[in-house]
Amino acid sequence: MRLISPSLLSADFGNMQRDIEMLNQSDCDWLHVDVMDGIFVPNISFGQPIVKHIKRFARKPLDVHLMIMDPGRYVADFKAAGADILTVHYEACNHLDRTLHAISDAGMRCGVVLNPHTPVELLEDIVQLCDVVLLMSVNPGFGGQKFIENTYSKVRRLRQMVERKHLECLIEVDGGVNVQNAPLLYEAGADVLVAGNAVFSSSDPQATIRAIKGLQ
């Protein structure tokens, strides 16, 4: 499977509707929405009102990535705002099992996110609850960072775990994804790639999306 989820963190905030309409007409599959609280990561970004605004215009599923502490408190809020997929950080959850069940019970696809330093082996007892596992290939909180090369190894190890357990969990990668490394990530076992800067800094974002997916 080759899906792409462009990150709206790299969109033009002054022309968000325009950029969402462009993505609606593109070959992208999801829209990636980064929520930051200024505590778990240094920056502060979108909150529930902005997610709700994005949902008004989006015709693709919203892939909402919570980079916040104690995300279980906000599951119902983000469901109400329009999230279709909700991913939470392993490092930010005291009760990960409970949070994943809450997301699923609310009718969203659920997922866990791992920071670059967090080994995939820690998911051995929880991955069966996940619809998605998102591997950060940069340190979370800032766009435009350089891709961390160890990500390929993490993707391969996670793919082995998913296949060994006969799961349908999707493997997503976020950070520094571009036309050059996308084929290597898919080859390693990734299903979904988040691309922000590569898409929105392109002179032809729709062509870049097609290129990342290998459609041209």
Protein backbone atom coordinates (compact mmCIF):
# COMPACT_ATOMS: atom_id res chain seq x y z
CA MET A 1 0.00 0.00 0.00
CA ARG A 2 1.27 3.46 -0.91
CA LEU A 3 -0.60 6.30 0.77
CA ILE A 4 0.44 9.90 1.30
CA SER A 5 -0.76 12.29 4.00
CA PRO A 6 0.41 15.87 3.29
CA SER A 7 1.10 17.83 6.47
CA LEU A 8 -0.94 21.01 6.78
CA LEU A 9 1.71 22.37 9.15
CA SER A 10 3.58 23.32 5.98
CA ALA A 11 0.56 24.86 4.25
CA ASP A 12 -0.03 28.60 3.89
CA PHE A 13 -2.01 29.43 7.05
CA GLY A 14 -3.36 32.58 5.39
CA ASN A 15 -4.76 30.51 2.52
CA MET A 16 -5.64 27.26 4.28
CA GLN A 17 -8.90 26.73 2.41
CA ARG A 18 -7.12 27.17 -0.92
CA ASP A 19 -4.45 24.63 0.01
CA ILE A 20 -7.02 22.13 1.29
CA GLU A 21 -9.00 22.45 -1.95
CA MET A 22 -5.78 21.77 -3.87
CA LEU A 23 -5.21 18.61 -1.81
CA ASN A 24 -8.84 17.56 -2.32
CA GLN A 25 -8.15 17.52 -6.05
CA SER A 26 -4.80 15.73 -5.71
CA ASP A 27 -3.88 12.05 -5.43
CA CYS A 28 -3.23 12.35 -1.69
CA ASP A 29 -5.11 9.98 0.62
CA TRP A 30 -5.28 11.70 4.02
CA LEU A 31 -4.65 15.20 5.38
CA HIS A 32 -2.12 15.22 8.23
CA VAL A 33 -2.91 17.65 11.06
CA ASP A 34 -0.24 18.22 13.72
CA VAL A 35 -1.54 19.31 17.13
CA MET A 36 1.18 20.68 19.46
CA ASP A 37 0.78 21.90 23.03
CA GLY A 38 4.06 23.74 23.71
CA ILE A 39 4.85 21.21 26.47
CA PHE A 40 5.43 17.82 24.87
CA VAL A 41 7.05 19.71 21.98
CA PRO A 42 8.29 23.33 22.02
CA ASN A 43 5.85 24.71 19.46
CA ILE A 44 2.12 25.37 19.68
CA SER A 45 0.02 24.68 16.59
CA PHE A 46 -3.54 23.70 15.73
CA GLY A 47 -6.20 23.08 18.36
CA GLN A 48 -9.71 21.69 18.12
CA PRO A 49 -11.28 24.85 16.58
CA ILE A 50 -8.78 24.80 13.70
CA VAL A 51 -9.30 21.06 13.15
CA LYS A 52 -13.04 21.72 12.96
CA HIS A 53 -12.41 24.50 10.43
CA ILE A 54 -10.20 22.21 8.32
CA LYS A 55 -12.91 19.53 8.40
CA ARG A 56 -15.39 21.94 6.81
CA PHE A 57 -13.36 21.98 3.60
CA ALA A 58 -11.56 18.62 3.57
CA ARG A 59 -12.87 15.79 1.42
CA LYS A 60 -10.13 13.41 2.58
CA PRO A 61 -9.83 11.75 6.02
CA LEU A 62 -8.18 13.88 8.71
CA ASP A 63 -5.06 12.17 10.08
CA VAL A 64 -4.71 13.99 13.41
CA HIS A 65 -1.37 13.60 15.20
CA LEU A 66 -1.48 14.67 18.85
CA MET A 67 1.92 15.92 20.04
CA ILE A 68 0.50 16.74 23.47
CA MET A 69 0.78 15.49 27.04
CA ASP A 70 -1.94 13.20 28.39
CA PRO A 71 -3.80 13.02 25.06
CA GLY A 72 -6.47 10.72 26.49
CA ARG A 73 -8.18 13.81 27.95
CA TYR A 74 -9.01 15.09 24.48
CA VAL A 75 -10.22 12.03 22.55
CA ALA A 76 -13.87 13.11 22.54
CA ASP A 77 -12.94 16.69 21.64
CA PHE A 78 -11.00 15.68 18.54
CA LYS A 79 -13.70 13.25 17.49
CA ALA A 80 -16.17 16.13 17.69
CA ALA A 81 -13.77 18.35 15.72
CA GLY A 82 -13.70 15.85 12.85
CA ALA A 83 -10.67 13.58 13.28
CA ASP A 84 -10.92 10.31 11.36
CA ILE A 85 -7.55 8.92 12.47
CA LEU A 86 -6.11 9.88 15.86
CA THR A 87 -2.52 9.05 16.81
CA VAL A 88 -0.94 9.62 20.22
CA HIS A 89 2.65 9.47 21.38
CA TYR A 90 3.89 6.44 23.30
CA GLU A 91 6.06 8.86 25.28
CA ALA A 92 3.09 11.04 26.31
CA CYS A 93 0.63 8.37 27.49
CA ASN A 94 0.57 6.99 31.01
CA HIS A 95 -2.28 4.64 30.08
CA LEU A 96 -1.76 3.83 26.42
CA ASP A 97 -4.02 0.78 26.33
CA ARG A 98 -6.93 2.77 27.75
CA THR A 99 -6.35 5.68 25.38
CA LEU A 100 -6.28 3.46 22.29
CA HIS A 101 -9.50 1.76 23.34
CA ALA A 102 -11.10 5.18 23.91
CA ILE A 103 -10.13 6.31 20.40
CA SER A 104 -11.53 3.13 18.83
CA ASP A 105 -14.70 3.30 20.93
CA ALA A 106 -15.22 6.87 19.71
CA GLY A 107 -15.30 5.58 16.12
CA MET A 108 -11.86 6.72 14.95
CA ARG A 109 -8.91 4.71 13.67
CA CYS A 110 -6.31 4.69 16.45
CA GLY A 111 -2.55 4.77 16.41
CA VAL A 112 0.66 5.13 18.37
CA VAL A 113 3.53 7.46 17.49
CA LEU A 114 7.18 6.74 18.34
CA ASN A 115 9.87 9.41 18.62
CA PRO A 116 13.17 8.68 16.83
CA HIS A 117 14.85 7.39 20.02
CA THR A 118 11.99 5.04 21.00
CA PRO A 119 12.50 1.43 19.85
CA VAL A 120 9.69 -0.32 18.01
CA GLU A 121 10.13 -3.35 20.26
CA LEU A 122 8.26 -1.46 23.01
CA LEU A 123 5.09 -1.98 20.96
CA GLU A 124 5.22 -5.78 21.27
CA ASP A 125 2.27 -5.90 23.71
CA ILE A 126 0.19 -3.05 22.26
CA VAL A 127 0.56 -3.11 18.47
CA GLN A 128 -2.44 -5.41 18.07
CA LEU A 129 -4.68 -2.53 19.20
CA CYS A 130 -3.33 -0.16 16.56
CA ASP A 131 -4.76 0.66 13.16
CA VAL A 132 -1.65 2.78 12.53
CA VAL A 133 1.86 3.07 13.96
CA LEU A 134 3.53 6.37 13.10
CA LEU A 135 7.33 6.47 13.21
CA MET A 136 8.85 9.93 13.56
CA SER A 137 11.81 10.29 11.20
CA VAL A 138 12.70 13.70 12.70
CA ASN A 139 12.40 15.01 16.24
CA PRO A 140 8.81 16.19 16.63
CA GLY A 141 7.83 19.82 16.86
CA PHE A 142 9.42 21.53 13.84
CA GLY A 143 8.98 21.26 10.09
CA GLY A 144 11.79 21.14 7.55
CA GLN A 145 14.20 18.91 9.53
CA LYS A 146 16.65 16.46 8.01
CA PHE A 147 15.49 12.86 7.71
CA ILE A 148 17.01 10.45 10.27
CA GLU A 149 18.55 7.53 8.37
CA ASN A 150 17.95 4.97 11.14
CA THR A 151 14.26 5.17 10.24
CA TYR A 152 14.66 2.55 7.50
CA SER A 153 15.79 -0.01 10.07
CA LYS A 154 12.88 0.86 12.37
CA VAL A 155 10.39 0.46 9.53
CA ARG A 156 11.80 -2.94 8.63
CA ARG A 157 11.71 -4.14 12.25
CA LEU A 158 8.16 -2.91 12.70
CA ARG A 159 7.10 -4.56 9.43
CA GLN A 160 8.51 -7.86 10.69
CA MET A 161 6.53 -7.50 13.94
CA VAL A 162 3.28 -6.68 12.12
CA GLU A 163 3.66 -9.62 9.75
CA ARG A 164 4.69 -12.04 12.49
CA LYS A 165 1.52 -11.17 14.39
CA HIS A 166 -0.62 -11.27 11.21
CA LEU A 167 -1.91 -7.73 11.78
CA GLU A 168 -3.39 -5.20 9.37
CA CYS A 169 -1.76 -2.23 11.13
CA LEU A 170 -0.49 0.46 8.75
CA ILE A 171 3.05 1.81 9.13
CA GLU A 172 3.28 5.59 8.72
CA VAL A 173 6.45 7.71 8.57
CA ASP A 174 6.59 11.44 9.33
CA GLY A 175 9.50 13.84 8.89
CA GLY A 176 11.86 14.77 6.08
CA VAL A 177 10.00 12.65 3.53
CA ASN A 178 10.68 13.60 -0.09
CA VAL A 179 10.69 12.22 -3.62
CA GLN A 180 14.17 10.74 -3.13
CA ASN A 181 13.62 8.73 0.07
CA ALA A 182 9.96 7.79 -0.46
CA PRO A 183 10.72 4.71 -2.62
CA LEU A 184 13.18 3.45 0.01
CA LEU A 185 10.61 3.88 2.77
CA TYR A 186 7.94 2.00 0.83
CA GLU A 187 10.48 -0.71 0.05
CA ALA A 188 11.36 -1.00 3.75
CA GLY A 189 7.68 -1.61 4.57
CA ALA A 190 5.99 1.75 5.08
CA ASP A 191 2.37 2.15 3.97
CA VAL A 192 1.74 5.86 4.60
CA LEU A 193 4.14 8.78 4.18
CA VAL A 194 3.62 12.21 5.70
CA ALA A 195 5.14 14.93 3.52
CA GLY A 196 4.94 18.62 4.38
CA ASN A 197 7.78 20.77 3.16
CA ALA A 198 8.37 18.59 0.09
CA VAL A 199 4.79 19.12 -1.04
CA PHE A 200 4.09 22.73 -0.13
CA SER A 201 7.48 24.14 -1.19
CA SER A 202 7.08 22.50 -4.59
CA SER A 203 6.20 24.55 -7.67
CA ASP A 204 3.69 21.80 -8.49
CA PRO A 205 2.45 20.19 -5.24
CA GLN A 206 0.08 17.80 -7.00
CA ALA A 207 2.89 16.49 -9.22
CA THR A 208 5.09 16.07 -6.14
CA ILE A 209 2.35 14.05 -4.43
CA ARG A 210 2.13 11.80 -7.49
CA ALA A 211 5.92 11.42 -7.56
CA ILE A 212 6.13 10.49 -3.86
CA LYS A 213 3.45 7.84 -4.43
CA GLY A 214 5.36 6.55 -7.43
CA LEU A 215 2.60 7.46 -9.89
CA GLN A 216 4.96 9.22 -12.29
